[in-house]
Amino acid sequence: PIPEYQPIKDAVFGNPNPDLFGDPQATAEAILQLADAENPPLRLL
């Protein structure tokens, strides 16, 4: 770390909201649907 950047890091990573982080297991259905799609999207959020 360079100390001058600490306030920026604190603003981004300090006190993280757990609701902002998804459950990785829940992505499985989306990946299976993507793999099975006849015309899959270029991008999938």
All heavy atoms as atom14 arrays in JSON, in Angstrom:
{
  "sequence": "PIPEYQPIKDAVFGNPNPDLFGDPQATAEAILQLADAENPPLRLL",
  "atom14_mask": [
    [1, 1, 1, 1, 1, 1, 1, 0, 0, 0, 0, 0, 0, 0],
    [1, 1, 1, 1, 1, 1, 1, 1, 0, 0, 0, 0, 0, 0],
    [1, 1, 1, 1, 1, 1, 1, 0, 0, 0, 0, 0, 0, 0],
    [1, 1, 1, 1, 1, 1, 1, 1, 1, 0, 0, 0, 0, 0],
    [1, 1, 1, 1, 1, 1, 1, 1, 1, 1, 1, 1, 0, 0],
    [1, 1, 1, 1, 1, 1, 1, 1, 1, 0, 0, 0, 0, 0],
    [1, 1, 1, 1, 1, 1, 1, 0, 0, 0, 0, 0, 0, 0],
    [1, 1, 1, 1, 1, 1, 1, 1, 0, 0, 0, 0, 0, 0],
    [1, 1, 1, 1, 1, 1, 1, 1, 1, 0, 0, 0, 0, 0],
    [1, 1, 1, 1, 1, 1, 1, 1, 0, 0, 0, 0, 0, 0],
    [1, 1, 1, 1, 1, 0, 0, 0, 0, 0, 0, 0, 0, 0],
    [1, 1, 1, 1, 1, 1, 1, 0, 0, 0, 0, 0, 0, 0],
    [1, 1, 1, 1, 1, 1, 1, 1, 1, 1, 1, 0, 0, 0],
    [1, 1, 1, 1, 0, 0, 0, 0, 0, 0, 0, 0, 0, 0],
    [1, 1, 1, 1, 1, 1, 1, 1, 0, 0, 0, 0, 0, 0],
    [1, 1, 1, 1, 1, 1, 1, 0, 0, 0, 0, 0, 0, 0],
    [1, 1, 1, 1, 1, 1, 1, 1, 0, 0, 0, 0, 0, 0],
    [1, 1, 1, 1, 1, 1, 1, 0, 0, 0, 0, 0, 0, 0],
    [1, 1, 1, 1, 1, 1, 1, 1, 0, 0, 0, 0, 0, 0],
    [1, 1, 1, 1, 1, 1, 1, 1, 0, 0, 0, 0, 0, 0],
    [1, 1, 1, 1, 1, 1, 1, 1, 1, 1, 1, 0, 0, 0],
    [1, 1, 1, 1, 0, 0, 0, 0, 0, 0, 0, 0, 0, 0],
    [1, 1, 1, 1, 1, 1, 1, 1, 0, 0, 0, 0, 0, 0],
    [1, 1, 1, 1, 1, 1, 1, 0, 0, 0, 0, 0, 0, 0],
    [1, 1, 1, 1, 1, 1, 1, 1, 1, 0, 0, 0, 0, 0],
    [1, 1, 1, 1, 1, 0, 0, 0, 0, 0, 0, 0, 0, 0],
    [1, 1, 1, 1, 1, 1, 1, 0, 0, 0, 0, 0, 0, 0],
    [1, 1, 1, 1, 1, 0, 0, 0, 0, 0, 0, 0, 0, 0],
    [1, 1, 1, 1, 1, 1, 1, 1, 1, 0, 0, 0, 0, 0],
    [1, 1, 1, 1, 1, 0, 0, 0, 0, 0, 0, 0, 0, 0],
    [1, 1, 1, 1, 1, 1, 1, 1, 0, 0, 0, 0, 0, 0],
    [1, 1, 1, 1, 1, 1, 1, 1, 0, 0, 0, 0, 0, 0],
    [1, 1, 1, 1, 1, 1, 1, 1, 1, 0, 0, 0, 0, 0],
    [1, 1, 1, 1, 1, 1, 1, 1, 0, 0, 0, 0, 0, 0],
    [1, 1, 1, 1, 1, 0, 0, 0, 0, 0, 0, 0, 0, 0],
    [1, 1, 1, 1, 1, 1, 1, 1, 0, 0, 0, 0, 0, 0],
    [1, 1, 1, 1, 1, 0, 0, 0, 0, 0, 0, 0, 0, 0],
    [1, 1, 1, 1, 1, 1, 1, 1, 1, 0, 0, 0, 0, 0],
    [1, 1, 1, 1, 1, 1, 1, 1, 0, 0, 0, 0, 0, 0],
    [1, 1, 1, 1, 1, 1, 1, 0, 0, 0, 0, 0, 0, 0],
    [1, 1, 1, 1, 1, 1, 1, 0, 0, 0, 0, 0, 0, 0],
    [1, 1, 1, 1, 1, 1, 1, 1, 0, 0, 0, 0, 0, 0],
    [1, 1, 1, 1, 1, 1, 1, 1, 1, 1, 1, 0, 0, 0],
    [1, 1, 1, 1, 1, 1, 1, 1, 0, 0, 0, 0, 0, 0],
    [1, 1, 1, 1, 1, 1, 1, 1, 0, 0, 0, 0, 0, 0]
  ],
  "atom14_positions": [
    [[0.79, -1.23, 0.0], [0.0, 0.0, 0.0], [0.83, 1.29, 0.0], [1.89, 1.35, 0.59], [-0.83, -0.11, 1.28], [-0.21, -1.16, 2.1], [0.61, -2.02, 1.22], [0.0, 0.0, 0.0], [0.0, 0.0, 0.0], [0.0, 0.0, 0.0], [0.0, 0.0, 0.0], [0.0, 0.0, 0.0], [0.0, 0.0, 0.0], [0.0, 0.0, 0.0]],
    [[0.31, 2.27, -0.67], [0.76, 3.66, -0.58], [-0.3, 4.38, 0.24], [-1.48, 4.39, -0.14], [0.92, 4.29, -1.97], [2.01, 3.57, -2.76], [1.22, 5.79, -1.87], [2.13, 4.01, -4.22], [0.0, 0.0, 0.0], [0.0, 0.0, 0.0], [0.0, 0.0, 0.0], [0.0, 0.0, 0.0], [0.0, 0.0, 0.0], [0.0, 0.0, 0.0]],
    [[0.06, 5.0, 1.36], [-0.94, 5.53, 2.3], [-1.95, 6.48, 1.68], [-3.11, 6.51, 2.1], [-0.09, 6.24, 3.36], [1.23, 5.55, 3.31], [1.43, 5.15, 1.87], [0.0, 0.0, 0.0], [0.0, 0.0, 0.0], [0.0, 0.0, 0.0], [0.0, 0.0, 0.0], [0.0, 0.0, 0.0], [0.0, 0.0, 0.0], [0.0, 0.0, 0.0]],
    [[-1.52, 7.24, 0.69], [-2.43, 8.23, 0.1], [-3.66, 7.61, -0.55], [-4.7, 8.27, -0.71], [-1.67, 9.08, -0.94], [-0.71, 10.09, -0.36], [0.64, 9.49, 0.03], [0.79, 8.25, -0.05], [1.54, 10.27, 0.39], [0.0, 0.0, 0.0], [0.0, 0.0, 0.0], [0.0, 0.0, 0.0], [0.0, 0.0, 0.0], [0.0, 0.0, 0.0]],
    [[-3.58, 6.33, -0.91], [-4.72, 5.67, -1.55], [-5.66, 4.99, -0.56], [-6.71, 4.47, -0.95], [-4.23, 4.63, -2.57], [-3.59, 5.26, -3.78], [-2.21, 5.25, -3.94], [-4.36, 5.87, -4.77], [-1.61, 5.83, -5.05], [-3.77, 6.45, -5.87], [-2.4, 6.43, -6.01], [-1.81, 7.02, -7.11], [0.0, 0.0, 0.0], [0.0, 0.0, 0.0]],
    [[-5.32, 5.0, 0.71], [-6.14, 4.29, 1.69], [-7.58, 4.79, 1.77], [-8.51, 3.97, 1.87], [-5.49, 4.33, 3.07], [-6.05, 3.31, 4.05], [-5.96, 1.88, 3.52], [-4.91, 1.46, 3.04], [-7.05, 1.14, 3.6], [0.0, 0.0, 0.0], [0.0, 0.0, 0.0], [0.0, 0.0, 0.0], [0.0, 0.0, 0.0], [0.0, 0.0, 0.0]],
    [[-7.8, 6.11, 1.72], [-9.21, 6.56, 1.77], [-10.05, 6.03, 0.62], [-11.24, 5.72, 0.8], [-9.08, 8.09, 1.7], [-7.72, 8.39, 2.24], [-6.86, 7.24, 1.78], [0.0, 0.0, 0.0], [0.0, 0.0, 0.0], [0.0, 0.0, 0.0], [0.0, 0.0, 0.0], [0.0, 0.0, 0.0], [0.0, 0.0, 0.0], [0.0, 0.0, 0.0]],
    [[-9.45, 5.92, -0.56], [-10.2, 5.38, -1.71], [-10.53, 3.91, -1.48], [-11.64, 3.45, -1.73], [-9.37, 5.56, -3.0], [-9.12, 7.04, -3.28], [-10.09, 4.9, -4.19], [-8.16, 7.3, -4.41], [0.0, 0.0, 0.0], [0.0, 0.0, 0.0], [0.0, 0.0, 0.0], [0.0, 0.0, 0.0], [0.0, 0.0, 0.0], [0.0, 0.0, 0.0]],
    [[-9.54, 3.17, -0.98], [-9.78, 1.74, -0.71], [-10.84, 1.56, 0.37], [-11.7, 0.67, 0.26], [-8.47, 1.08, -0.27], [-7.4, 1.03, -1.35], [-6.15, 0.38, -0.77], [-4.99, 0.44, -1.72], [-3.76, -0.13, -1.15], [0.0, 0.0, 0.0], [0.0, 0.0, 0.0], [0.0, 0.0, 0.0], [0.0, 0.0, 0.0], [0.0, 0.0, 0.0]],
    [[-10.77, 2.38, 1.39], [-11.77, 2.28, 2.46], [-13.17, 2.55, 1.94], [-14.14, 1.9, 2.35], [-11.44, 3.26, 3.58], [-10.19, 2.86, 4.37], [-9.79, 1.69, 4.27], [-9.62, 3.73, 5.07], [0.0, 0.0, 0.0], [0.0, 0.0, 0.0], [0.0, 0.0, 0.0], [0.0, 0.0, 0.0], [0.0, 0.0, 0.0], [0.0, 0.0, 0.0]],
    [[-13.28, 3.51, 1.01], [-14.58, 3.84, 0.46], [-15.16, 2.69, -0.35], [-16.37, 2.46, -0.38], [-14.48, 5.09, -0.41], [0.0, 0.0, 0.0], [0.0, 0.0, 0.0], [0.0, 0.0, 0.0], [0.0, 0.0, 0.0], [0.0, 0.0, 0.0], [0.0, 0.0, 0.0], [0.0, 0.0, 0.0], [0.0, 0.0, 0.0], [0.0, 0.0, 0.0]],
    [[-14.27, 1.91, -1.02], [-14.73, 0.81, -1.87], [-14.93, -0.47, -1.07], [-15.94, -1.17, -1.21], [-13.74, 0.56, -3.02], [-14.16, -0.65, -3.84], [-13.62, 1.79, -3.91], [0.0, 0.0, 0.0], [0.0, 0.0, 0.0], [0.0, 0.0, 0.0], [0.0, 0.0, 0.0], [0.0, 0.0, 0.0], [0.0, 0.0, 0.0], [0.0, 0.0, 0.0]],
    [[-13.94, -0.78, -0.21], [-13.92, -2.09, 0.44], [-14.25, -2.06, 1.93], [-14.46, -3.11, 2.54], [-12.55, -2.74, 0.26], [-12.16, -2.92, -1.18], [-11.06, -2.25, -1.72], [-12.9, -3.74, -2.02], [-10.7, -2.41, -3.04], [-12.55, -3.9, -3.35], [-11.45, -3.22, -3.86], [0.0, 0.0, 0.0], [0.0, 0.0, 0.0], [0.0, 0.0, 0.0]],
    [[-14.29, -0.87, 2.53], [-14.61, -0.8, 3.96], [-16.09, -1.06, 4.2], [-16.95, -0.66, 3.41], [0.0, 0.0, 0.0], [0.0, 0.0, 0.0], [0.0, 0.0, 0.0], [0.0, 0.0, 0.0], [0.0, 0.0, 0.0], [0.0, 0.0, 0.0], [0.0, 0.0, 0.0], [0.0, 0.0, 0.0], [0.0, 0.0, 0.0], [0.0, 0.0, 0.0]],
    [[-16.39, -1.76, 5.27], [-17.77, -2.09, 5.65], [-18.57, -2.66, 4.48], [-19.61, -2.11, 4.08], [-18.48, -0.83, 6.19], [-17.79, -0.25, 7.39], [-17.4, -0.97, 8.31], [-17.61, 1.07, 7.39], [0.0, 0.0, 0.0], [0.0, 0.0, 0.0], [0.0, 0.0, 0.0], [0.0, 0.0, 0.0], [0.0, 0.0, 0.0], [0.0, 0.0, 0.0]],
    [[-18.13, -3.78, 3.92], [-18.84, -4.35, 2.77], [-20.24, -4.83, 3.15], [-20.46, -5.37, 4.23], [-17.95, -5.53, 2.35], [-17.19, -5.89, 3.59], [-16.99, -4.61, 4.34], [0.0, 0.0, 0.0], [0.0, 0.0, 0.0], [0.0, 0.0, 0.0], [0.0, 0.0, 0.0], [0.0, 0.0, 0.0], [0.0, 0.0, 0.0], [0.0, 0.0, 0.0]],
    [[-21.18, -4.61, 2.24], [-22.55, -5.06, 2.43], [-22.67, -6.49, 1.92], [-22.5, -6.74, 0.72], [-23.5, -4.14, 1.66], [-24.95, -4.53, 1.82], [-25.28, -5.58, 2.39], [-25.85, -3.71, 1.31], [0.0, 0.0, 0.0], [0.0, 0.0, 0.0], [0.0, 0.0, 0.0], [0.0, 0.0, 0.0], [0.0, 0.0, 0.0], [0.0, 0.0, 0.0]],
    [[-22.96, -7.45, 2.8], [-23.03, -8.85, 2.36], [-24.03, -9.08, 1.23], [-23.87, -10.0, 0.42], [-23.45, -9.6, 3.62], [-23.08, -8.71, 4.75], [-23.22, -7.31, 4.24], [0.0, 0.0, 0.0], [0.0, 0.0, 0.0], [0.0, 0.0, 0.0], [0.0, 0.0, 0.0], [0.0, 0.0, 0.0], [0.0, 0.0, 0.0], [0.0, 0.0, 0.0]],
    [[-25.08, -8.24, 1.16], [-26.1, -8.42, 0.13], [-25.56, -8.14, -1.28], [-26.19, -8.51, -2.27], [-27.29, -7.49, 0.39], [-28.09, -7.91, 1.61], [-27.95, -9.09, 2.02], [-28.85, -7.1, 2.15], [0.0, 0.0, 0.0], [0.0, 0.0, 0.0], [0.0, 0.0, 0.0], [0.0, 0.0, 0.0], [0.0, 0.0, 0.0], [0.0, 0.0, 0.0]],
    [[-24.41, -7.47, -1.36], [-23.83, -7.16, -2.66], [-23.1, -8.36, -3.27], [-22.73, -8.33, -4.45], [-22.86, -5.98, -2.55], [-23.47, -4.65, -2.11], [-22.39, -3.58, -2.02], [-24.58, -4.21, -3.06], [0.0, 0.0, 0.0], [0.0, 0.0, 0.0], [0.0, 0.0, 0.0], [0.0, 0.0, 0.0], [0.0, 0.0, 0.0], [0.0, 0.0, 0.0]],
    [[-22.9, -9.4, -2.47], [-22.16, -10.58, -2.93], [-23.13, -11.75, -3.09], [-23.79, -12.16, -2.15], [-21.04, -10.93, -1.94], [-19.99, -9.86, -1.85], [-20.12, -8.82, -0.95], [-18.89, -9.89, -2.69], [-19.16, -7.81, -0.88], [-17.92, -8.9, -2.63], [-18.05, -7.86, -1.73], [0.0, 0.0, 0.0], [0.0, 0.0, 0.0], [0.0, 0.0, 0.0]],
    [[-23.18, -12.27, -4.31], [-24.12, -13.34, -4.6], [-23.64, -14.69, -4.09], [-22.48, -14.88, -3.71], [0.0, 0.0, 0.0], [0.0, 0.0, 0.0], [0.0, 0.0, 0.0], [0.0, 0.0, 0.0], [0.0, 0.0, 0.0], [0.0, 0.0, 0.0], [0.0, 0.0, 0.0], [0.0, 0.0, 0.0], [0.0, 0.0, 0.0], [0.0, 0.0, 0.0]],
    [[-24.56, -15.65, -4.1], [-24.28, -17.04, -3.74], [-23.75, -17.75, -4.99], [-24.5, -17.91, -5.96], [-25.55, -17.7, -3.23], [-25.38, -19.19, -2.98], [-24.24, -19.7, -3.07], [-26.4, -19.85, -2.71], [0.0, 0.0, 0.0], [0.0, 0.0, 0.0], [0.0, 0.0, 0.0], [0.0, 0.0, 0.0], [0.0, 0.0, 0.0], [0.0, 0.0, 0.0]],
    [[-22.5, -18.17, -5.02], [-21.96, -18.77, -6.24], [-22.71, -20.0, -6.71], [-22.8, -20.26, -7.9], [-20.51, -19.1, -5.87], [-20.43, -19.04, -4.38], [-21.49, -18.07, -3.95], [0.0, 0.0, 0.0], [0.0, 0.0, 0.0], [0.0, 0.0, 0.0], [0.0, 0.0, 0.0], [0.0, 0.0, 0.0], [0.0, 0.0, 0.0], [0.0, 0.0, 0.0]],
    [[-23.29, -20.75, -5.77], [-24.04, -21.95, -6.15], [-25.25, -21.59, -7.01], [-25.66, -22.36, -7.89], [-24.49, -22.7, -4.9], [-25.01, -24.1, -5.16], [-23.93, -25.05, -5.64], [-22.85, -25.13, -5.07], [-24.22, -25.78, -6.73], [0.0, 0.0, 0.0], [0.0, 0.0, 0.0], [0.0, 0.0, 0.0], [0.0, 0.0, 0.0], [0.0, 0.0, 0.0]],
    [[-25.79, -20.4, -6.79], [-26.98, -19.97, -7.52], [-26.7, -19.68, -8.99], [-27.63, -19.55, -9.79], [-27.59, -18.73, -6.86], [0.0, 0.0, 0.0], [0.0, 0.0, 0.0], [0.0, 0.0, 0.0], [0.0, 0.0, 0.0], [0.0, 0.0, 0.0], [0.0, 0.0, 0.0], [0.0, 0.0, 0.0], [0.0, 0.0, 0.0], [0.0, 0.0, 0.0]],
    [[-25.42, -19.57, -9.36], [-25.08, -19.31, -10.77], [-25.19, -20.55, -11.65], [-25.2, -20.44, -12.87], [-23.65, -18.74, -10.89], [-22.7, -19.76, -10.47], [-23.46, -17.49, -10.05], [0.0, 0.0, 0.0], [0.0, 0.0, 0.0], [0.0, 0.0, 0.0], [0.0, 0.0, 0.0], [0.0, 0.0, 0.0], [0.0, 0.0, 0.0], [0.0, 0.0, 0.0]],
    [[-25.25, -21.71, -11.04], [-25.19, -22.96, -11.8], [-26.33, -23.06, -12.82], [-26.11, -23.44, -13.97], [-25.22, -24.15, -10.85], [0.0, 0.0, 0.0], [0.0, 0.0, 0.0], [0.0, 0.0, 0.0], [0.0, 0.0, 0.0], [0.0, 0.0, 0.0], [0.0, 0.0, 0.0], [0.0, 0.0, 0.0], [0.0, 0.0, 0.0], [0.0, 0.0, 0.0]],
    [[-27.54, -22.71, -12.4], [-28.68, -22.82, -13.31], [-28.49, -21.92, -14.53], [-28.81, -22.32, -15.67], [-29.97, -22.45, -12.58], [-31.22, -22.59, -13.44], [-32.51, -22.27, -12.7], [-32.46, -22.12, -11.47], [-33.54, -22.15, -13.38], [0.0, 0.0, 0.0], [0.0, 0.0, 0.0], [0.0, 0.0, 0.0], [0.0, 0.0, 0.0], [0.0, 0.0, 0.0]],
    [[-27.97, -20.72, -14.31], [-27.75, -19.8, -15.42], [-26.73, -20.36, -16.41], [-26.89, -20.23, -17.63], [-27.28, -18.44, -14.89], [0.0, 0.0, 0.0], [0.0, 0.0, 0.0], [0.0, 0.0, 0.0], [0.0, 0.0, 0.0], [0.0, 0.0, 0.0], [0.0, 0.0, 0.0], [0.0, 0.0, 0.0], [0.0, 0.0, 0.0], [0.0, 0.0, 0.0]],
    [[-25.66, -20.99, -15.89], [-24.63, -21.54, -16.77], [-25.18, -22.73, -17.56], [-24.87, -22.88, -18.76], [-23.39, -21.95, -15.94], [-22.75, -20.7, -15.32], [-22.38, -22.69, -16.81], [-22.34, -19.64, -16.32], [0.0, 0.0, 0.0], [0.0, 0.0, 0.0], [0.0, 0.0, 0.0], [0.0, 0.0, 0.0], [0.0, 0.0, 0.0], [0.0, 0.0, 0.0]],
    [[-25.99, -23.55, -16.94], [-26.6, -24.67, -17.66], [-27.52, -24.15, -18.76], [-27.53, -24.68, -19.88], [-27.38, -25.56, -16.71], [-26.56, -26.32, -15.65], [-27.48, -27.18, -14.79], [-25.48, -27.18, -16.29], [0.0, 0.0, 0.0], [0.0, 0.0, 0.0], [0.0, 0.0, 0.0], [0.0, 0.0, 0.0], [0.0, 0.0, 0.0], [0.0, 0.0, 0.0]],
    [[-28.29, -23.11, -18.47], [-29.17, -22.53, -19.48], [-28.36, -21.95, -20.63], [-28.73, -22.08, -21.8], [-30.04, -21.44, -18.85], [-31.12, -21.97, -17.93], [-32.0, -20.85, -17.38], [-32.24, -19.84, -18.04], [-32.48, -21.02, -16.17], [0.0, 0.0, 0.0], [0.0, 0.0, 0.0], [0.0, 0.0, 0.0], [0.0, 0.0, 0.0], [0.0, 0.0, 0.0]],
    [[-27.26, -21.29, -20.29], [-26.39, -20.71, -21.32], [-25.81, -21.81, -22.2], [-25.76, -21.68, -23.43], [-25.27, -19.91, -20.65], [-24.26, -19.24, -21.58], [-24.93, -18.19, -22.45], [-23.12, -18.61, -20.76], [0.0, 0.0, 0.0], [0.0, 0.0, 0.0], [0.0, 0.0, 0.0], [0.0, 0.0, 0.0], [0.0, 0.0, 0.0], [0.0, 0.0, 0.0]],
    [[-25.35, -22.88, -21.57], [-24.75, -23.99, -22.32], [-25.77, -24.66, -23.24], [-25.41, -25.17, -24.31], [-24.17, -25.02, -21.35], [0.0, 0.0, 0.0], [0.0, 0.0, 0.0], [0.0, 0.0, 0.0], [0.0, 0.0, 0.0], [0.0, 0.0, 0.0], [0.0, 0.0, 0.0], [0.0, 0.0, 0.0], [0.0, 0.0, 0.0], [0.0, 0.0, 0.0]],
    [[-27.04, -24.67, -22.84], [-28.07, -25.36, -23.61], [-28.74, -24.48, -24.67], [-29.49, -24.98, -25.51], [-29.16, -25.89, -22.67], [-28.65, -27.02, -21.78], [-27.6, -27.61, -22.12], [-29.3, -27.3, -20.76], [0.0, 0.0, 0.0], [0.0, 0.0, 0.0], [0.0, 0.0, 0.0], [0.0, 0.0, 0.0], [0.0, 0.0, 0.0], [0.0, 0.0, 0.0]],
    [[-28.49, -23.17, -24.61], [-29.19, -22.24, -25.49], [-28.81, -22.46, -26.96], [-27.63, -22.58, -27.29], [-28.89, -20.8, -25.09], [0.0, 0.0, 0.0], [0.0, 0.0, 0.0], [0.0, 0.0, 0.0], [0.0, 0.0, 0.0], [0.0, 0.0, 0.0], [0.0, 0.0, 0.0], [0.0, 0.0, 0.0], [0.0, 0.0, 0.0], [0.0, 0.0, 0.0]],
    [[-29.81, -22.51, -27.81], [-29.55, -22.64, -29.25], [-28.9, -21.38, -29.8], [-28.02, -21.45, -30.66], [-30.86, -22.93, -29.98], [-30.68, -23.21, -31.46], [-31.97, -23.6, -32.14], [-32.96, -23.93, -31.43], [-32.01, -23.58, -33.38], [0.0, 0.0, 0.0], [0.0, 0.0, 0.0], [0.0, 0.0, 0.0], [0.0, 0.0, 0.0], [0.0, 0.0, 0.0]],
    [[-29.35, -20.25, -29.29], [-28.77, -18.96, -29.7], [-28.33, -18.2, -28.44], [-29.03, -17.3, -27.98], [-29.79, -18.14, -30.5], [-30.14, -18.79, -31.81], [-29.28, -19.0, -32.66], [-31.42, -19.13, -31.98], [0.0, 0.0, 0.0], [0.0, 0.0, 0.0], [0.0, 0.0, 0.0], [0.0, 0.0, 0.0], [0.0, 0.0, 0.0], [0.0, 0.0, 0.0]],
    [[-27.19, -18.56, -27.87], [-26.76, -17.95, -26.62], [-26.38, -16.49, -26.81], [-25.94, -16.08, -27.89], [-25.53, -18.78, -26.21], [-25.01, -19.31, -27.51], [-26.22, -19.56, -28.37], [0.0, 0.0, 0.0], [0.0, 0.0, 0.0], [0.0, 0.0, 0.0], [0.0, 0.0, 0.0], [0.0, 0.0, 0.0], [0.0, 0.0, 0.0], [0.0, 0.0, 0.0]],
    [[-26.54, -15.68, -25.77], [-26.17, -14.27, -25.87], [-24.66, -14.1, -25.9], [-23.92, -14.94, -25.39], [-26.76, -13.67, -24.59], [-26.72, -14.81, -23.61], [-27.03, -16.04, -24.42], [0.0, 0.0, 0.0], [0.0, 0.0, 0.0], [0.0, 0.0, 0.0], [0.0, 0.0, 0.0], [0.0, 0.0, 0.0], [0.0, 0.0, 0.0], [0.0, 0.0, 0.0]],
    [[-24.23, -12.99, -26.5], [-22.81, -12.66, -26.44], [-22.42, -12.31, -25.01], [-21.31, -12.64, -24.57], [-22.49, -11.5, -27.37], [-21.05, -10.96, -27.33], [-20.03, -12.03, -27.69], [-20.9, -9.75, -28.24], [0.0, 0.0, 0.0], [0.0, 0.0, 0.0], [0.0, 0.0, 0.0], [0.0, 0.0, 0.0], [0.0, 0.0, 0.0], [0.0, 0.0, 0.0]],
    [[-23.32, -11.66, -24.29], [-23.03, -11.24, -22.92], [-24.14, -11.7, -21.97], [-25.32, -11.57, -22.29], [-22.88, -9.72, -22.82], [-21.61, -9.21, -23.48], [-21.48, -7.69, -23.31], [-20.14, -7.26, -23.67], [-19.77, -6.95, -24.92], [-20.66, -7.03, -25.9], [-18.54, -6.57, -25.17], [0.0, 0.0, 0.0], [0.0, 0.0, 0.0], [0.0, 0.0, 0.0]],
    [[-23.73, -12.2, -20.8], [-24.68, -12.6, -19.76], [-24.17, -12.12, -18.42], [-23.14, -12.58, -17.93], [-24.85, -14.12, -19.74], [-25.74, -14.68, -18.61], [-27.19, -14.19, -18.78], [-25.68, -16.2, -18.58], [0.0, 0.0, 0.0], [0.0, 0.0, 0.0], [0.0, 0.0, 0.0], [0.0, 0.0, 0.0], [0.0, 0.0, 0.0], [0.0, 0.0, 0.0]],
    [[-24.88, -11.15, -17.84], [-24.55, -10.67, -16.49], [-25.04, -11.69, -15.46], [-26.09, -12.3, -15.63], [-25.21, -9.32, -16.23], [-24.78, -8.16, -17.12], [-25.73, -6.97, -16.93], [-23.34, -7.73, -16.82], [0.0, 0.0, 0.0], [0.0, 0.0, 0.0], [0.0, 0.0, 0.0], [0.0, 0.0, 0.0], [0.0, 0.0, 0.0], [0.0, 0.0, 0.0]]
  ]
}
